[in-house]
Amino acid sequence: MPLKYPLVHVDDVRPESMKEGEGWAISEFRLPISGRNGSSTTLFHSIFRPGSTHARHLHRNCDEIAVYLKGRGIVGQGNERMEIRPGHCRLMPKGSEHFFYNASQDEEGLVIGFYVGATSVADTGYEFRGHVTAVDLEAPRVDTFRQGTLVHIDDVKPVRMSAKDGWSITDFRMPIGRHNGSPTTLFWAKFMPGAVHKKHRHESCEEIYYVIRGRGLAGAGPDRAEVRGGHVHYIPKGVEHFFCNLSTTEPLEAIGVYVGAGSVEETGYVYTGEVSETDIKARTA
């Protein structure tokens, strides 16, 4: 039986054909979730070969949130420069010029990101602002950006969530949210074997998440489906859902956003019940 709510693996999504002349020197760029799936927000999956760059550009209509999962590089925000490594999380406010350069000599860069409130790349108000030069890359580094946010997940404290409200997640962190100026929350969740986020819904926001690694079971409304690294799940506002680690030995890790909610409280979180053995055994895809 087909799924009611979009659950997509990046391997099943055709790469977009972006114009290099407009700064898109990205090796591979895919859009697993966008307005085509009914989402208000677009999730992108981008791979950068060593030495490749997404040139200076901005989005006039939306904030961008990005998570760097592989590769080391240099990021620009306006006239400021910082270095990044896997685990960095970044907010680029709408209208602010930015770029990314993969400085690794032998490793591809992997960036997962969200155009918040934009249903497509065109809807972001994309504007190419010029190629990245040696002067850009050699500019002095700063400790923090004046515009936006750049934070490493290791520097973010886990949030103590209530188990009685269904939060049996091993490690839950919010690197970006209302606490550092974003109206949308970025979360990073780790589930050790046996961990589960029990049935719940968000009355006030959509949720989109990307599975970094591991093997789990995702539920949304009537859907029950196994997920693995590379799956992307879109949960509309008000839809009951859950997530659990099916492995007995390996962790399950995911990143995601609460669209337009700067904290868990702002999502309109409602706990709705346990995940049963029937739920675990059911499969709709």
Protein backbone atom coordinates (compact mmCIF):
# COMPACT_ATOMS: atom_id res chain seq x y z
CA MET A 1 0.00 0.00 0.00
CA PRO A 2 1.44 3.42 -0.91
CA LEU A 3 2.37 5.87 1.80
CA LYS A 4 0.05 8.77 2.53
CA TYR A 5 2.81 11.14 3.65
CA PRO A 6 6.02 11.80 1.67
CA LEU A 7 8.96 9.57 2.62
CA VAL A 8 11.71 9.78 0.01
CA HIS A 9 15.21 8.35 -0.29
CA VAL A 10 17.76 10.66 -1.93
CA ASP A 11 18.96 7.84 -4.19
CA ASP A 12 15.52 7.84 -5.79
CA VAL A 13 15.59 11.57 -6.57
CA ARG A 14 16.98 12.81 -9.87
CA PRO A 15 19.75 15.46 -9.55
CA GLU A 16 18.71 18.97 -10.57
CA SER A 17 20.33 20.67 -13.55
CA MET A 18 21.62 23.93 -12.07
CA LYS A 19 23.36 26.68 -14.04
CA GLU A 20 27.09 26.91 -13.33
CA GLY A 21 27.06 30.45 -14.70
CA GLU A 22 24.80 31.41 -11.80
CA GLY A 23 27.24 30.05 -9.24
CA TRP A 24 26.02 26.47 -8.94
CA ALA A 25 29.38 24.67 -9.21
CA ILE A 26 27.96 21.85 -7.07
CA SER A 27 28.71 18.27 -8.10
CA GLU A 28 25.23 17.00 -7.27
CA PHE A 29 22.14 18.83 -6.07
CA ARG A 30 18.87 17.06 -5.24
CA LEU A 31 15.55 18.24 -3.82
CA PRO A 32 13.89 15.29 -2.05
CA ILE A 33 11.19 17.45 -0.44
CA SER A 34 9.69 20.64 -1.84
CA GLY A 35 6.38 22.18 -2.79
CA ARG A 36 5.90 19.26 -5.16
CA ASN A 37 5.35 17.11 -2.05
CA GLY A 38 2.99 19.63 -0.45
CA SER A 39 5.68 21.11 1.79
CA SER A 40 6.03 24.83 2.50
CA THR A 41 9.81 24.30 2.76
CA THR A 42 12.39 22.77 0.43
CA LEU A 43 15.01 20.31 1.69
CA PHE A 44 18.18 20.03 -0.41
CA HIS A 45 20.89 17.36 -0.54
CA SER A 46 24.12 18.70 -2.05
CA ILE A 47 27.46 17.04 -2.73
CA PHE A 48 30.60 19.09 -3.37
CA ARG A 49 33.62 17.46 -4.98
CA PRO A 50 37.00 18.58 -3.52
CA GLY A 51 37.69 22.17 -4.47
CA SER A 52 34.14 22.97 -5.63
CA THR A 53 32.19 26.04 -4.57
CA HIS A 54 28.68 27.39 -4.36
CA ALA A 55 29.51 30.97 -5.31
CA ARG A 56 28.43 34.15 -3.55
CA HIS A 57 24.65 34.40 -3.60
CA LEU A 58 21.65 35.28 -1.48
CA HIS A 59 17.99 34.36 -1.09
CA ARG A 60 15.73 37.40 -0.99
CA ASN A 61 12.63 35.54 0.19
CA CYS A 62 13.75 32.99 2.78
CA ASP A 63 16.16 31.99 5.49
CA GLU A 64 18.46 29.07 4.71
CA ILE A 65 19.54 26.50 7.31
CA ALA A 66 22.41 24.15 6.44
CA VAL A 67 24.13 21.24 8.19
CA TYR A 68 27.64 20.19 7.08
CA LEU A 69 27.98 16.42 7.38
CA LYS A 70 31.12 15.69 5.36
CA GLY A 71 34.13 17.67 4.19
CA ARG A 72 35.97 20.69 5.52
CA GLY A 73 35.66 24.11 4.04
CA ILE A 74 35.38 27.86 4.17
CA VAL A 75 32.11 29.69 4.48
CA GLY A 76 31.47 33.34 3.81
CA GLN A 77 28.75 35.51 5.29
CA GLY A 78 28.88 39.03 3.86
CA ASN A 79 32.53 40.08 4.15
CA GLU A 80 33.30 37.65 6.98
CA ARG A 81 34.90 34.19 6.74
CA MET A 82 34.95 31.14 8.99
CA GLU A 83 36.13 27.54 8.64
CA ILE A 84 33.75 24.61 9.02
CA ARG A 85 33.99 20.86 9.59
CA PRO A 86 31.43 18.05 9.88
CA GLY A 87 28.91 18.89 12.58
CA HIS A 88 28.65 22.61 11.90
CA CYS A 89 25.12 24.02 11.64
CA ARG A 90 24.40 27.33 9.99
CA LEU A 91 21.60 29.88 9.63
CA MET A 92 21.80 32.36 6.72
CA PRO A 93 19.11 35.04 7.07
CA LYS A 94 17.17 36.06 4.00
CA GLY A 95 18.89 38.77 1.96
CA SER A 96 22.36 37.99 3.36
CA GLU A 97 25.15 37.12 0.91
CA HIS A 98 26.96 33.82 1.56
CA PHE A 99 29.04 31.04 -0.02
CA PHE A 100 30.60 27.62 0.68
CA TYR A 101 33.92 26.25 -0.57
CA ASN A 102 34.95 22.62 -0.03
CA ALA A 103 38.62 22.96 0.96
CA SER A 104 39.16 19.21 1.35
CA GLN A 105 41.75 17.73 -1.01
CA ASP A 106 40.31 14.22 -1.08
CA GLU A 107 36.81 14.17 0.42
CA GLU A 108 33.46 15.15 -0.96
CA GLY A 109 31.43 17.64 1.02
CA LEU A 110 27.87 16.74 2.00
CA VAL A 111 25.49 19.52 2.97
CA ILE A 112 21.85 19.02 3.95
CA GLY A 113 19.82 22.18 4.05
CA PHE A 114 16.43 23.80 4.19
CA TYR A 115 15.01 26.78 2.29
CA VAL A 116 12.56 27.73 5.02
CA GLY A 117 9.17 28.76 3.69
CA ALA A 118 10.20 28.42 0.03
CA THR A 119 8.58 25.71 -2.08
CA SER A 120 11.33 25.71 -4.75
CA VAL A 121 14.72 27.25 -5.54
CA ALA A 122 13.00 29.89 -7.65
CA ASP A 123 10.70 30.68 -4.71
CA THR A 124 13.75 31.50 -2.54
CA GLY A 125 14.49 34.61 -4.59
CA TYR A 126 17.94 33.28 -5.53
CA GLU A 127 20.41 35.95 -6.69
CA PHE A 128 23.95 35.21 -7.92
CA ARG A 129 26.40 37.78 -6.52
CA GLY A 130 29.74 36.77 -8.01
CA HIS A 131 32.37 34.08 -8.04
CA VAL A 132 34.53 33.27 -5.01
CA THR A 133 38.10 34.47 -5.49
CA ALA A 134 41.44 33.76 -3.83
CA VAL A 135 40.98 37.01 -1.92
CA ASP A 136 37.70 35.68 -0.51
CA LEU A 137 39.31 32.43 0.60
CA GLU A 138 42.42 34.05 2.09
CA ALA A 139 40.55 36.73 4.05
CA PRO A 140 41.11 36.76 7.83
CA ARG A 141 38.83 34.48 9.84
CA VAL A 142 36.39 35.76 12.42
CA ASP A 143 35.22 34.08 15.63
CA THR A 144 31.54 34.65 14.94
CA PHE A 145 29.34 36.05 12.19
CA ARG A 146 27.53 39.32 12.70
CA GLN A 147 24.72 38.05 10.47
CA GLY A 148 23.23 34.63 11.02
CA THR A 149 24.54 31.77 13.14
CA LEU A 150 27.31 29.18 12.86
CA VAL A 151 27.52 26.64 15.68
CA HIS A 152 29.05 23.19 16.01
CA ILE A 153 26.84 20.43 17.37
CA ASP A 154 29.54 19.44 19.89
CA ASP A 155 29.16 22.87 21.49
CA VAL A 156 25.39 22.48 21.95
CA LYS A 157 24.14 20.96 25.19
CA PRO A 158 21.59 18.13 24.99
CA VAL A 159 18.10 19.21 25.98
CA ARG A 160 16.47 17.32 28.82
CA MET A 161 13.09 16.28 27.43
CA SER A 162 10.29 14.65 29.42
CA ALA A 163 10.02 10.85 29.10
CA LYS A 164 6.39 11.02 30.27
CA ASP A 165 5.66 13.08 27.15
CA GLY A 166 7.14 10.42 24.88
CA TRP A 167 10.70 11.74 24.57
CA SER A 168 12.71 8.51 24.92
CA ILE A 169 15.45 9.94 22.70
CA THR A 170 19.03 9.29 23.80
CA ASP A 171 20.43 12.68 22.80
CA PHE A 172 18.36 15.63 21.52
CA ARG A 173 19.98 18.97 20.66
CA MET A 174 18.73 22.19 19.10
CA PRO A 175 21.68 24.05 17.55
CA ILE A 176 19.44 26.67 15.94
CA GLY A 177 16.18 28.16 17.20
CA ARG A 178 14.57 31.10 18.92
CA HIS A 179 17.40 31.06 21.49
CA ASN A 180 19.87 32.29 18.84
CA GLY A 181 17.59 34.34 16.63
CA SER A 182 15.88 31.85 14.33
CA PRO A 183 12.08 31.56 14.00
CA THR A 184 12.61 27.94 12.87
CA THR A 185 14.21 25.21 14.99
CA LEU A 186 16.92 22.88 13.72
CA PHE A 187 17.19 19.69 15.79
CA TRP A 188 19.75 16.88 15.88
CA ALA A 189 18.54 13.62 17.45
CA LYS A 190 20.43 10.43 18.28
CA PHE A 191 18.62 7.19 19.10
CA MET A 192 20.63 4.37 20.64
CA PRO A 193 19.25 0.82 20.22
CA GLY A 194 15.76 0.65 21.71
CA ALA A 195 15.24 4.42 21.81
CA VAL A 196 11.98 5.84 20.47
CA HIS A 197 10.16 9.12 20.10
CA LYS A 198 6.63 7.98 20.88
CA LYS A 199 3.45 9.03 19.13
CA HIS A 200 2.90 12.77 19.04
CA ARG A 201 1.89 15.62 16.78
CA HIS A 202 2.73 19.27 16.27
CA GLU A 203 -0.41 21.39 16.04
CA SER A 204 1.43 24.54 14.93
CA CYS A 205 4.14 23.48 12.47
CA GLU A 206 5.36 21.12 9.77
CA GLU A 207 8.33 18.88 10.45
CA ILE A 208 10.93 17.67 7.94
CA TYR A 209 13.78 15.36 8.90
CA TYR A 210 16.73 13.66 7.19
CA VAL A 211 18.15 10.34 8.43
CA ILE A 212 21.95 10.61 8.66
CA ARG A 213 22.65 6.98 9.53
CA GLY A 214 21.13 3.86 11.05
CA ARG A 215 17.97 1.86 10.50
CA GLY A 216 14.61 2.67 12.01
CA LEU A 217 10.85 2.67 11.76
CA ALA A 218 8.95 5.85 10.92
CA GLY A 219 5.25 6.25 11.50
CA ALA A 220 3.03 9.05 10.20
CA GLY A 221 -0.74 8.81 10.32
CA PRO A 222 -1.51 5.30 8.99
CA ASP A 223 1.97 4.89 7.46
CA ARG A 224 4.57 2.50 8.89
CA ALA A 225 7.85 2.28 6.96
CA GLU A 226 11.45 1.32 7.53
CA VAL A 227 14.03 4.06 7.02
CA ARG A 228 17.80 4.14 6.62
CA GLY A 229 20.48 6.76 6.06
CA GLY A 230 19.43 9.06 3.21
CA HIS A 231 15.68 8.97 3.83
CA VAL A 232 13.78 12.25 4.09
CA HIS A 233 10.36 12.46 5.78
CA TYR A 234 7.81 15.27 5.55
CA ILE A 235 5.23 15.47 8.36
CA PRO A 236 2.38 17.96 7.79
CA LYS A 237 1.03 20.03 10.64
CA GLY A 238 -1.23 18.07 13.00
CA VAL A 239 -0.29 14.57 11.76
CA GLU A 240 0.51 11.99 14.45
CA HIS A 241 3.95 10.44 14.00
CA PHE A 242 6.71 8.51 15.77
CA PHE A 243 10.27 7.31 15.17
CA CYS A 244 12.29 4.44 16.65
CA ASN A 245 15.60 2.64 16.25
CA LEU A 246 15.17 -0.92 14.97
CA SER A 247 18.83 -1.91 15.32
CA THR A 248 20.06 -3.84 18.36
CA THR A 249 23.65 -2.63 17.90
CA GLU A 250 23.83 0.63 15.91
CA PRO A 251 22.66 4.18 16.67
CA LEU A 252 20.10 5.99 14.54
CA GLU A 253 20.73 9.67 13.88
CA ALA A 254 18.58 12.35 12.24
CA ILE A 255 18.47 16.11 11.71
CA GLY A 256 15.36 18.11 11.00
CA VAL A 257 13.42 21.34 11.28
CA TYR A 258 10.25 22.51 12.95
CA VAL A 259 9.18 24.95 10.24
CA GLY A 260 8.25 28.34 11.65
CA ALA A 261 8.54 27.23 15.28
CA GLY A 262 11.48 28.60 17.23
CA SER A 263 11.18 26.08 20.08
CA VAL A 264 9.50 22.78 20.91
CA GLU A 265 6.85 24.72 22.84
CA GLU A 266 6.04 26.78 19.74
CA THR A 267 5.42 23.60 17.70
CA GLY A 268 2.21 22.90 19.62
CA TYR A 269 3.59 19.54 20.78
CA VAL A 270 0.96 16.99 21.88
CA TYR A 271 1.90 13.51 23.17
CA THR A 272 -0.59 10.93 21.87
CA GLY A 273 0.57 7.52 23.10
CA GLU A 274 2.86 4.51 23.11
CA VAL A 275 4.33 2.76 20.08
CA SER A 276 2.94 -0.79 20.20
CA GLU A 277 4.21 -4.12 18.94
CA THR A 278 1.53 -3.88 16.26
CA ASP A 279 3.04 -0.59 15.12
CA ILE A 280 6.52 -2.11 15.01
CA LYS A 281 5.38 -5.12 12.98
CA ALA A 282 3.25 -3.13 10.54
CA ARG A 283 4.73 -2.08 7.21
CA THR A 284 2.95 -0.02 4.56
CA ALA A 285 5.99 0.37 2.25
